[in-house]
Amino acid sequence: MGDEYKINRADYLLLSTLYASGCMDYYHSMTIAEIVADNTDENGNHPLGARMTIYRKLQKLVAHGYISKGIRDDHADTYYVNEKTIRLIEDGGKKA
């Protein structure tokens, strides 16, 4: 793809959630509900936005090669980070 996708704060939070949870292969992956639960505070607030917003962000990250879809969990898609994202996070958020 011509222009490189620019990761924003919400994208990085999604990526770091997957990374911190050990979601690094097809069988070790998370659903949107699990991602939201991991980012919800004691008051029930989370910074990621509505479920559909999170879904759209995840689809964009899949399209740009930062994450991949994992095994289905009942009727829900799951997601995990790939090598590109692992390098990005382990490099402290600098460009992959």
PDB file of N, CA and C in Angstrom:
ATOM      1  N   MET A   1       0.849  -1.171   0.000  1.00  0.00           N
ATOM      2  CA  MET A   1       0.000   0.000   0.000  1.00  0.00           C
ATOM      3  C   MET A   1       0.892   1.230   0.000  1.00  0.00           C
ATOM      4  N   GLY A   2       0.576   2.205  -0.769  1.00  0.00           N
ATOM      5  CA  GLY A   2       1.413   3.364  -0.947  1.00  0.00           C
ATOM      6  C   GLY A   2       1.761   4.091   0.331  1.00  0.00           C
ATOM      7  N   ASP A   3       0.775   4.720   0.965  1.00  0.00           N
ATOM      8  CA  ASP A   3       1.019   5.451   2.192  1.00  0.00           C
ATOM      9  C   ASP A   3       0.932   4.513   3.390  1.00  0.00           C
ATOM     10  N   GLU A   4       1.866   4.674   4.313  1.00  0.00           N
ATOM     11  CA  GLU A   4       1.868   3.881   5.533  1.00  0.00           C
ATOM     12  C   GLU A   4       0.779   4.401   6.461  1.00  0.00           C
ATOM     13  N   TYR A   5       0.026   3.488   7.040  1.00  0.00           N
ATOM     14  CA  TYR A   5      -1.033   3.840   7.983  1.00  0.00           C
ATOM     15  C   TYR A   5      -0.406   4.388   9.258  1.00  0.00           C
ATOM     16  N   LYS A   6      -0.933   5.492   9.752  1.00  0.00           N
ATOM     17  CA  LYS A   6      -0.441   6.117  10.979  1.00  0.00           C
ATOM     18  C   LYS A   6      -1.250   5.598  12.163  1.00  0.00           C
ATOM     19  N   ILE A   7      -0.584   4.964  13.096  1.00  0.00           N
ATOM     20  CA  ILE A   7      -1.215   4.442  14.304  1.00  0.00           C
ATOM     21  C   ILE A   7      -1.577   5.610  15.218  1.00  0.00           C
ATOM     22  N   ASN A   8      -2.833   5.649  15.699  1.00  0.00           N
ATOM     23  CA  ASN A   8      -3.218   6.670  16.669  1.00  0.00           C
ATOM     24  C   ASN A   8      -3.274   6.058  18.067  1.00  0.00           C
ATOM     25  N   ARG A   9      -3.625   6.860  19.040  1.00  0.00           N
ATOM     26  CA  ARG A   9      -3.602   6.412  20.436  1.00  0.00           C
ATOM     27  C   ARG A   9      -4.535   5.233  20.689  1.00  0.00           C
ATOM     28  N   ALA A  10      -5.752   5.296  20.160  1.00  0.00           N
ATOM     29  CA  ALA A  10      -6.717   4.203  20.354  1.00  0.00           C
ATOM     30  C   ALA A  10      -6.211   2.927  19.676  1.00  0.00           C
ATOM     31  N   ASP A  11      -5.637   3.051  18.500  1.00  0.00           N
ATOM     32  CA  ASP A  11      -5.061   1.889  17.813  1.00  0.00           C
ATOM     33  C   ASP A  11      -3.968   1.259  18.678  1.00  0.00           C
ATOM     34  N   TYR A  12      -3.092   2.094  19.210  1.00  0.00           N
ATOM     35  CA  TYR A  12      -1.990   1.588  20.030  1.00  0.00           C
ATOM     36  C   TYR A  12      -2.519   0.906  21.289  1.00  0.00           C
ATOM     37  N   LEU A  13      -3.590   1.449  21.870  1.00  0.00           N
ATOM     38  CA  LEU A  13      -4.190   0.822  23.044  1.00  0.00           C
ATOM     39  C   LEU A  13      -4.734  -0.565  22.687  1.00  0.00           C
ATOM     40  N   LEU A  14      -5.374  -0.688  21.535  1.00  0.00           N
ATOM     41  CA  LEU A  14      -5.863  -1.998  21.079  1.00  0.00           C
ATOM     42  C   LEU A  14      -4.696  -2.959  20.877  1.00  0.00           C
ATOM     43  N   LEU A  15      -3.660  -2.502  20.197  1.00  0.00           N
ATOM     44  CA  LEU A  15      -2.506  -3.348  19.924  1.00  0.00           C
ATOM     45  C   LEU A  15      -1.805  -3.766  21.212  1.00  0.00           C
ATOM     46  N   SER A  16      -1.618  -2.826  22.122  1.00  0.00           N
ATOM     47  CA  SER A  16      -0.919  -3.152  23.364  1.00  0.00           C
ATOM     48  C   SER A  16      -1.756  -4.065  24.256  1.00  0.00           C
ATOM     49  N   THR A  17      -3.081  -3.961  24.196  1.00  0.00           N
ATOM     50  CA  THR A  17      -3.954  -4.867  24.949  1.00  0.00           C
ATOM     51  C   THR A  17      -3.771  -6.297  24.458  1.00  0.00           C
ATOM     52  N   LEU A  18      -3.784  -6.473  23.144  1.00  0.00           N
ATOM     53  CA  LEU A  18      -3.585  -7.807  22.573  1.00  0.00           C
ATOM     54  C   LEU A  18      -2.210  -8.349  22.930  1.00  0.00           C
ATOM     55  N   TYR A  19      -1.192  -7.498  22.819  1.00  0.00           N
ATOM     56  CA  TYR A  19       0.184  -7.903  23.124  1.00  0.00           C
ATOM     57  C   TYR A  19       0.320  -8.305  24.593  1.00  0.00           C
ATOM     58  N   ALA A  20      -0.166  -7.453  25.487  1.00  0.00           N
ATOM     59  CA  ALA A  20      -0.043  -7.714  26.929  1.00  0.00           C
ATOM     60  C   ALA A  20      -0.804  -8.964  27.353  1.00  0.00           C
ATOM     61  N   SER A  21      -1.850  -9.315  26.616  1.00  0.00           N
ATOM     62  CA  SER A  21      -2.645 -10.502  26.930  1.00  0.00           C
ATOM     63  C   SER A  21      -2.068 -11.766  26.300  1.00  0.00           C
ATOM     64  N   GLY A  22      -0.950 -11.634  25.608  1.00  0.00           N
ATOM     65  CA  GLY A  22      -0.314 -12.803  25.000  1.00  0.00           C
ATOM     66  C   GLY A  22      -1.012 -13.301  23.752  1.00  0.00           C
ATOM     67  N   CYS A  23      -1.763 -12.430  23.103  1.00  0.00           N
ATOM     68  CA  CYS A  23      -2.487 -12.805  21.878  1.00  0.00           C
ATOM     69  C   CYS A  23      -1.556 -12.651  20.687  1.00  0.00           C
ATOM     70  N   MET A  24      -0.790 -13.729  20.429  1.00  0.00           N
ATOM     71  CA  MET A  24       0.245 -13.656  19.403  1.00  0.00           C
ATOM     72  C   MET A  24       0.158 -14.768  18.380  1.00  0.00           C
ATOM     73  N   ASP A  25      -0.935 -15.526  18.404  1.00  0.00           N
ATOM     74  CA  ASP A  25      -1.138 -16.528  17.364  1.00  0.00           C
ATOM     75  C   ASP A  25      -2.628 -16.829  17.214  1.00  0.00           C
ATOM     76  N   TYR A  26      -2.942 -17.598  16.210  1.00  0.00           N
ATOM     77  CA  TYR A  26      -4.314 -17.909  15.807  1.00  0.00           C
ATOM     78  C   TYR A  26      -5.175 -18.419  16.961  1.00  0.00           C
ATOM     79  N   TYR A  27      -4.604 -19.233  17.838  1.00  0.00           N
ATOM     80  CA  TYR A  27      -5.368 -19.837  18.929  1.00  0.00           C
ATOM     81  C   TYR A  27      -5.358 -19.009  20.206  1.00  0.00           C
ATOM     82  N   HIS A  28      -4.432 -18.083  20.332  1.00  0.00           N
ATOM     83  CA  HIS A  28      -4.364 -17.194  21.483  1.00  0.00           C
ATOM     84  C   HIS A  28      -4.746 -15.798  20.990  1.00  0.00           C
ATOM     85  N   SER A  29      -6.027 -15.506  21.044  1.00  0.00           N
ATOM     86  CA  SER A  29      -6.558 -14.266  20.491  1.00  0.00           C
ATOM     87  C   SER A  29      -7.741 -13.808  21.345  1.00  0.00           C
ATOM     88  N   MET A  30      -8.207 -12.574  21.124  1.00  0.00           N
ATOM     89  CA  MET A  30      -9.267 -11.988  21.943  1.00  0.00           C
ATOM     90  C   MET A  30     -10.429 -11.492  21.093  1.00  0.00           C
ATOM     91  N   THR A  31     -11.626 -11.553  21.690  1.00  0.00           N
ATOM     92  CA  THR A  31     -12.820 -10.977  21.072  1.00  0.00           C
ATOM     93  C   THR A  31     -12.895  -9.491  21.444  1.00  0.00           C
ATOM     94  N   ILE A  32     -13.782  -8.769  20.787  1.00  0.00           N
ATOM     95  CA  ILE A  32     -14.006  -7.360  21.124  1.00  0.00           C
ATOM     96  C   ILE A  32     -14.463  -7.236  22.577  1.00  0.00           C
ATOM     97  N   ALA A  33     -15.356  -8.120  23.016  1.00  0.00           N
ATOM     98  CA  ALA A  33     -15.847  -8.063  24.401  1.00  0.00           C
ATOM     99  C   ALA A  33     -14.700  -8.232  25.400  1.00  0.00           C
ATOM    100  N   GLU A  34     -13.765  -9.114  25.113  1.00  0.00           N
ATOM    101  CA  GLU A  34     -12.617  -9.319  26.000  1.00  0.00           C
ATOM    102  C   GLU A  34     -11.687  -8.105  26.003  1.00  0.00           C
ATOM    103  N   ILE A  35     -11.517  -7.487  24.844  1.00  0.00           N
ATOM    104  CA  ILE A  35     -10.691  -6.277  24.747  1.00  0.00           C
ATOM    105  C   ILE A  35     -11.312  -5.156  25.566  1.00  0.00           C
ATOM    106  N   VAL A  36     -12.623  -4.979  25.443  1.00  0.00           N
ATOM    107  CA  VAL A  36     -13.323  -3.944  26.210  1.00  0.00           C
ATOM    108  C   VAL A  36     -13.189  -4.229  27.708  1.00  0.00           C
ATOM    109  N   ALA A  37     -13.399  -5.476  28.118  1.00  0.00           N
ATOM    110  CA  ALA A  37     -13.303  -5.839  29.537  1.00  0.00           C
ATOM    111  C   ALA A  37     -11.912  -5.535  30.090  1.00  0.00           C
ATOM    112  N   ASP A  38     -10.871  -5.778  29.312  1.00  0.00           N
ATOM    113  CA  ASP A  38      -9.504  -5.504  29.762  1.00  0.00           C
ATOM    114  C   ASP A  38      -9.212  -4.015  29.910  1.00  0.00           C
ATOM    115  N   ASN A  39     -10.003  -3.174  29.253  1.00  0.00           N
ATOM    116  CA  ASN A  39      -9.766  -1.728  29.276  1.00  0.00           C
ATOM    117  C   ASN A  39     -10.841  -0.957  30.035  1.00  0.00           C
ATOM    118  N   THR A  40     -11.672  -1.652  30.788  1.00  0.00           N
ATOM    119  CA  THR A  40     -12.748  -1.006  31.541  1.00  0.00           C
ATOM    120  C   THR A  40     -12.307  -0.773  32.973  1.00  0.00           C
ATOM    121  N   ASP A  41     -12.531   0.455  33.461  1.00  0.00           N
ATOM    122  CA  ASP A  41     -12.153   0.759  34.843  1.00  0.00           C
ATOM    123  C   ASP A  41     -13.266   0.355  35.806  1.00  0.00           C
ATOM    124  N   GLU A  42     -13.048   0.620  37.091  1.00  0.00           N
ATOM    125  CA  GLU A  42     -14.012   0.205  38.111  1.00  0.00           C
ATOM    126  C   GLU A  42     -15.360   0.909  37.981  1.00  0.00           C
ATOM    127  N   ASN A  43     -15.423   2.017  37.265  1.00  0.00           N
ATOM    128  CA  ASN A  43     -16.681   2.739  37.045  1.00  0.00           C
ATOM    129  C   ASN A  43     -17.393   2.295  35.770  1.00  0.00           C
ATOM    130  N   GLY A  44     -16.816   1.339  35.061  1.00  0.00           N
ATOM    131  CA  GLY A  44     -17.422   0.851  33.831  1.00  0.00           C
ATOM    132  C   GLY A  44     -17.069   1.656  32.593  1.00  0.00           C
ATOM    133  N   ASN A  45     -16.121   2.568  32.712  1.00  0.00           N
ATOM    134  CA  ASN A  45     -15.702   3.399  31.576  1.00  0.00           C
ATOM    135  C   ASN A  45     -14.517   2.755  30.860  1.00  0.00           C
ATOM    136  N   HIS A  46     -14.483   2.933  29.556  1.00  0.00           N
ATOM    137  CA  HIS A  46     -13.311   2.507  28.781  1.00  0.00           C
ATOM    138  C   HIS A  46     -13.081   3.516  27.660  1.00  0.00           C
ATOM    139  N   PRO A  47     -11.835   3.719  27.274  1.00  0.00           N
ATOM    140  CA  PRO A  47     -11.488   4.775  26.313  1.00  0.00           C
ATOM    141  C   PRO A  47     -11.632   4.386  24.842  1.00  0.00           C
ATOM    142  N   LEU A  48     -12.156   3.217  24.547  1.00  0.00           N
ATOM    143  CA  LEU A  48     -12.123   2.732  23.169  1.00  0.00           C
ATOM    144  C   LEU A  48     -13.325   3.119  22.314  1.00  0.00           C
ATOM    145  N   GLY A  49     -14.390   3.586  22.920  1.00  0.00           N
ATOM    146  CA  GLY A  49     -15.568   3.956  22.162  1.00  0.00           C
ATOM    147  C   GLY A  49     -16.559   2.803  22.068  1.00  0.00           C
ATOM    148  N   ALA A  50     -17.550   2.987  21.227  1.00  0.00           N
ATOM    149  CA  ALA A  50     -18.609   1.989  21.055  1.00  0.00           C
ATOM    150  C   ALA A  50     -18.071   0.727  20.383  1.00  0.00           C
ATOM    151  N   ARG A  51     -18.782  -0.347  20.559  1.00  0.00           N
ATOM    152  CA  ARG A  51     -18.382  -1.645  19.994  1.00  0.00           C
ATOM    153  C   ARG A  51     -18.133  -1.551  18.485  1.00  0.00           C
ATOM    154  N   MET A  52     -19.008  -0.857  17.768  1.00  0.00           N
ATOM    155  CA  MET A  52     -18.851  -0.724  16.316  1.00  0.00           C
ATOM    156  C   MET A  52     -17.595   0.090  15.974  1.00  0.00           C
ATOM    157  N   THR A  53     -17.281   1.077  16.792  1.00  0.00           N
ATOM    158  CA  THR A  53     -16.054   1.858  16.585  1.00  0.00           C
ATOM    159  C   THR A  53     -14.831   0.956  16.739  1.00  0.00           C
ATOM    160  N   ILE A  54     -14.839   0.135  17.774  1.00  0.00           N
ATOM    161  CA  ILE A  54     -13.734  -0.799  18.002  1.00  0.00           C
ATOM    162  C   ILE A  54     -13.633  -1.773  16.839  1.00  0.00           C
ATOM    163  N   TYR A  55     -14.765  -2.286  16.371  1.00  0.00           N
ATOM    164  CA  TYR A  55     -14.779  -3.211  15.236  1.00  0.00           C
ATOM    165  C   TYR A  55     -14.135  -2.557  14.005  1.00  0.00           C
ATOM    166  N   ARG A  56     -14.515  -1.324  13.725  1.00  0.00           N
ATOM    167  CA  ARG A  56     -13.951  -0.626  12.560  1.00  0.00           C
ATOM    168  C   ARG A  56     -12.446  -0.413  12.706  1.00  0.00           C
ATOM    169  N   LYS A  57     -12.012  -0.051  13.912  1.00  0.00           N
ATOM    170  CA  LYS A  57     -10.576   0.127  14.146  1.00  0.00           C
ATOM    171  C   LYS A  57      -9.828  -1.193  13.937  1.00  0.00           C
ATOM    172  N   LEU A  58     -10.380  -2.277  14.444  1.00  0.00           N
ATOM    173  CA  LEU A  58      -9.746  -3.584  14.278  1.00  0.00           C
ATOM    174  C   LEU A  58      -9.677  -3.976  12.807  1.00  0.00           C
ATOM    175  N   GLN A  59     -10.738  -3.716  12.054  1.00  0.00           N
ATOM    176  CA  GLN A  59     -10.739  -4.042  10.627  1.00  0.00           C
ATOM    177  C   GLN A  59      -9.672  -3.240   9.881  1.00  0.00           C
ATOM    178  N   LYS A  60      -9.504  -1.987  10.276  1.00  0.00           N
ATOM    179  CA  LYS A  60      -8.475  -1.145   9.656  1.00  0.00           C
ATOM    180  C   LYS A  60      -7.078  -1.681   9.993  1.00  0.00           C
ATOM    181  N   LEU A  61      -6.888  -2.113  11.252  1.00  0.00           N
ATOM    182  CA  LEU A  61      -5.598  -2.668  11.652  1.00  0.00           C
ATOM    183  C   LEU A  61      -5.310  -3.993  10.939  1.00  0.00           C
ATOM    184  N   VAL A  62      -6.337  -4.792  10.697  1.00  0.00           N
ATOM    185  CA  VAL A  62      -6.187  -6.030   9.917  1.00  0.00           C
ATOM    186  C   VAL A  62      -5.775  -5.679   8.485  1.00  0.00           C
ATOM    187  N   ALA A  63      -6.479  -4.724   7.889  1.00  0.00           N
ATOM    188  CA  ALA A  63      -6.212  -4.337   6.495  1.00  0.00           C
ATOM    189  C   ALA A  63      -4.795  -3.808   6.307  1.00  0.00           C
ATOM    190  N   HIS A  64      -4.236  -3.175   7.332  1.00  0.00           N
ATOM    191  CA  HIS A  64      -2.888  -2.600   7.229  1.00  0.00           C
ATOM    192  C   HIS A  64      -1.806  -3.502   7.814  1.00  0.00           C
ATOM    193  N   GLY A  65      -2.192  -4.731   8.163  1.00  0.00           N
ATOM    194  CA  GLY A  65      -1.203  -5.726   8.542  1.00  0.00           C
ATOM    195  C   GLY A  65      -0.669  -5.658   9.953  1.00  0.00           C
ATOM    196  N   TYR A  66      -1.360  -4.971  10.853  1.00  0.00           N
ATOM    197  CA  TYR A  66      -0.898  -4.894  12.232  1.00  0.00           C
ATOM    198  C   TYR A  66      -1.425  -6.041  13.089  1.00  0.00           C
ATOM    199  N   ILE A  67      -2.598  -6.548  12.775  1.00  0.00           N
ATOM    200  CA  ILE A  67      -3.170  -7.678  13.497  1.00  0.00           C
ATOM    201  C   ILE A  67      -3.768  -8.652  12.486  1.00  0.00           C
ATOM    202  N   SER A  68      -4.087  -9.837  12.988  1.00  0.00           N
ATOM    203  CA  SER A  68      -4.728 -10.857  12.156  1.00  0.00           C
ATOM    204  C   SER A  68      -5.930 -11.408  12.903  1.00  0.00           C
ATOM    205  N   LYS A  69      -6.835 -11.995  12.145  1.00  0.00           N
ATOM    206  CA  LYS A  69      -7.989 -12.638  12.765  1.00  0.00           C
ATOM    207  C   LYS A  69      -7.582 -14.019  13.242  1.00  0.00           C
ATOM    208  N   GLY A  70      -8.045 -14.348  14.448  1.00  0.00           N
ATOM    209  CA  GLY A  70      -7.763 -15.644  15.031  1.00  0.00           C
ATOM    210  C   GLY A  70      -8.940 -16.583  14.864  1.00  0.00           C
ATOM    211  N   ILE A  71      -8.955 -17.599  15.691  1.00  0.00           N
ATOM    212  CA  ILE A  71     -10.008 -18.605  15.677  1.00  0.00           C
ATOM    213  C   ILE A  71     -11.317 -17.968  16.136  1.00  0.00           C
ATOM    214  N   ARG A  72     -12.433 -18.407  15.574  1.00  0.00           N
ATOM    215  CA  ARG A  72     -13.734 -17.864  15.978  1.00  0.00           C
ATOM    216  C   ARG A  72     -14.096 -18.374  17.365  1.00  0.00           C
ATOM    217  N   ASP A  73     -14.686 -17.497  18.157  1.00  0.00           N
ATOM    218  CA  ASP A  73     -15.158 -17.837  19.498  1.00  0.00           C
ATOM    219  C   ASP A  73     -16.671 -17.732  19.463  1.00  0.00           C
ATOM    220  N   ASP A  74     -17.335 -18.894  19.325  1.00  0.00           N
ATOM    221  CA  ASP A  74     -18.775 -18.951  19.113  1.00  0.00           C
ATOM    222  C   ASP A  74     -19.078 -18.195  17.817  1.00  0.00           C
ATOM    223  N   HIS A  75     -19.689 -17.018  17.900  1.00  0.00           N
ATOM    224  CA  HIS A  75     -19.991 -16.248  16.685  1.00  0.00           C
ATOM    225  C   HIS A  75     -19.122 -14.998  16.569  1.00  0.00           C
ATOM    226  N   ALA A  76     -18.145 -14.857  17.447  1.00  0.00           N
ATOM    227  CA  ALA A  76     -17.322 -13.646  17.475  1.00  0.00           C
ATOM    228  C   ALA A  76     -15.961 -13.879  16.842  1.00  0.00           C
ATOM    229  N   ASP A  77     -15.501 -12.880  16.097  1.00  0.00           N
ATOM    230  CA  ASP A  77     -14.132 -12.897  15.580  1.00  0.00           C
ATOM    231  C   ASP A  77     -13.175 -12.651  16.736  1.00  0.00           C
ATOM    232  N   THR A  78     -11.989 -13.193  16.631  1.00  0.00           N
ATOM    233  CA  THR A  78     -10.930 -12.900  17.591  1.00  0.00           C
ATOM    234  C   THR A  78      -9.750 -12.325  16.827  1.00  0.00           C
ATOM    235  N   TYR A  79      -8.865 -11.642  17.553  1.00  0.00           N
ATOM    236  CA  TYR A  79      -7.753 -10.936  16.930  1.00  0.00           C
ATOM    237  C   TYR A  79      -6.475 -11.173  17.719  1.00  0.00           C
ATOM    238  N   TYR A  80      -5.348 -11.134  17.002  1.00  0.00           N
ATOM    239  CA  TYR A  80      -4.039 -11.267  17.644  1.00  0.00           C
ATOM    240  C   TYR A  80      -3.022 -10.416  16.897  1.00  0.00           C
ATOM    241  N   VAL A  81      -1.945 -10.060  17.595  1.00  0.00           N
ATOM    242  CA  VAL A  81      -0.896  -9.250  16.978  1.00  0.00           C
ATOM    243  C   VAL A  81       0.049 -10.147  16.181  1.00  0.00           C
ATOM    244  N   ASN A  82       0.663  -9.550  15.172  1.00  0.00           N
ATOM    245  CA  ASN A  82       1.634 -10.287  14.364  1.00  0.00           C
ATOM    246  C   ASN A  82       3.028  -9.685  14.575  1.00  0.00           C
ATOM    247  N   GLU A  83       3.982 -10.153  13.812  1.00  0.00           N
ATOM    248  CA  GLU A  83       5.378  -9.713  13.984  1.00  0.00           C
ATOM    249  C   GLU A  83       5.544  -8.202  13.836  1.00  0.00           C
ATOM    250  N   LYS A  84       4.813  -7.587  12.911  1.00  0.00           N
ATOM    251  CA  LYS A  84       4.916  -6.144  12.695  1.00  0.00           C
ATOM    252  C   LYS A  84       4.570  -5.391  13.976  1.00  0.00           C
ATOM    253  N   THR A  85       3.511  -5.797  14.635  1.00  0.00           N
ATOM    254  CA  THR A  85       3.086  -5.133  15.866  1.00  0.00           C
ATOM    255  C   THR A  85       3.997  -5.478  17.032  1.00  0.00           C
ATOM    256  N   ILE A  86       4.449  -6.709  17.097  1.00  0.00           N
ATOM    257  CA  ILE A  86       5.369  -7.097  18.168  1.00  0.00           C
ATOM    258  C   ILE A  86       6.620  -6.228  18.105  1.00  0.00           C
ATOM    259  N   ARG A  87       7.164  -6.031  16.902  1.00  0.00           N
ATOM    260  CA  ARG A  87       8.336  -5.154  16.743  1.00  0.00           C
ATOM    261  C   ARG A  87       8.008  -3.727  17.157  1.00  0.00           C
ATOM    262  N   LEU A  88       6.833  -3.229  16.767  1.00  0.00           N
ATOM    263  CA  LEU A  88       6.409  -1.867  17.094  1.00  0.00           C
ATOM    264  C   LEU A  88       6.345  -1.668  18.608  1.00  0.00           C
ATOM    265  N   ILE A  89       5.707  -2.583  19.304  1.00  0.00           N
ATOM    266  CA  ILE A  89       5.544  -2.453  20.752  1.00  0.00           C
ATOM    267  C   ILE A  89       6.869  -2.655  21.481  1.00  0.00           C
ATOM    268  N   GLU A  90       7.623  -3.633  21.085  1.00  0.00           N
ATOM    269  CA  GLU A  90       8.902  -3.891  21.744  1.00  0.00           C
ATOM    270  C   GLU A  90       9.928  -2.792  21.476  1.00  0.00           C
ATOM    271  N   ASP A  91       9.695  -2.012  20.424  1.00  0.00           N
ATOM    272  CA  ASP A  91      10.571  -0.889  20.109  1.00  0.00           C
ATOM    273  C   ASP A  91      10.073   0.401  20.787  1.00  0.00           C
ATOM    274  N   GLY A  92       9.129   0.264  21.703  1.00  0.00           N
ATOM    275  CA  GLY A  92       8.641   1.420  22.457  1.00  0.00           C
ATOM    276  C   GLY A  92       7.694   2.308  21.693  1.00  0.00           C
ATOM    277  N   GLY A  93       7.020   1.782  20.686  1.00  0.00           N
ATOM    278  CA  GLY A  93       6.051   2.554  19.924  1.00  0.00           C
ATOM    279  C   GLY A  93       6.629   3.310  18.754  1.00  0.00           C
ATOM    280  N   LYS A  94       7.914   3.134  18.502  1.00  0.00           N
ATOM    281  CA  LYS A  94       8.510   3.787  17.336  1.00  0.00           C
ATOM    282  C   LYS A  94       8.044   3.064  16.077  1.00  0.00           C
ATOM    283  N   LYS A  95       8.171   3.714  14.963  1.00  0.00           N
ATOM    284  CA  LYS A  95       7.699   3.154  13.694  1.00  0.00           C
ATOM    285  C   LYS A  95       8.285   1.760  13.444  1.00  0.00           C
ATOM    286  N   ALA A  96       7.393   0.827  13.036  1.00  0.00           N
ATOM    287  CA  ALA A  96       7.805  -0.565  12.785  1.00  0.00           C
ATOM    288  C   ALA A  96       8.626  -0.669  11.518  1.00  0.00           C
TER     289      ALA A  96
END
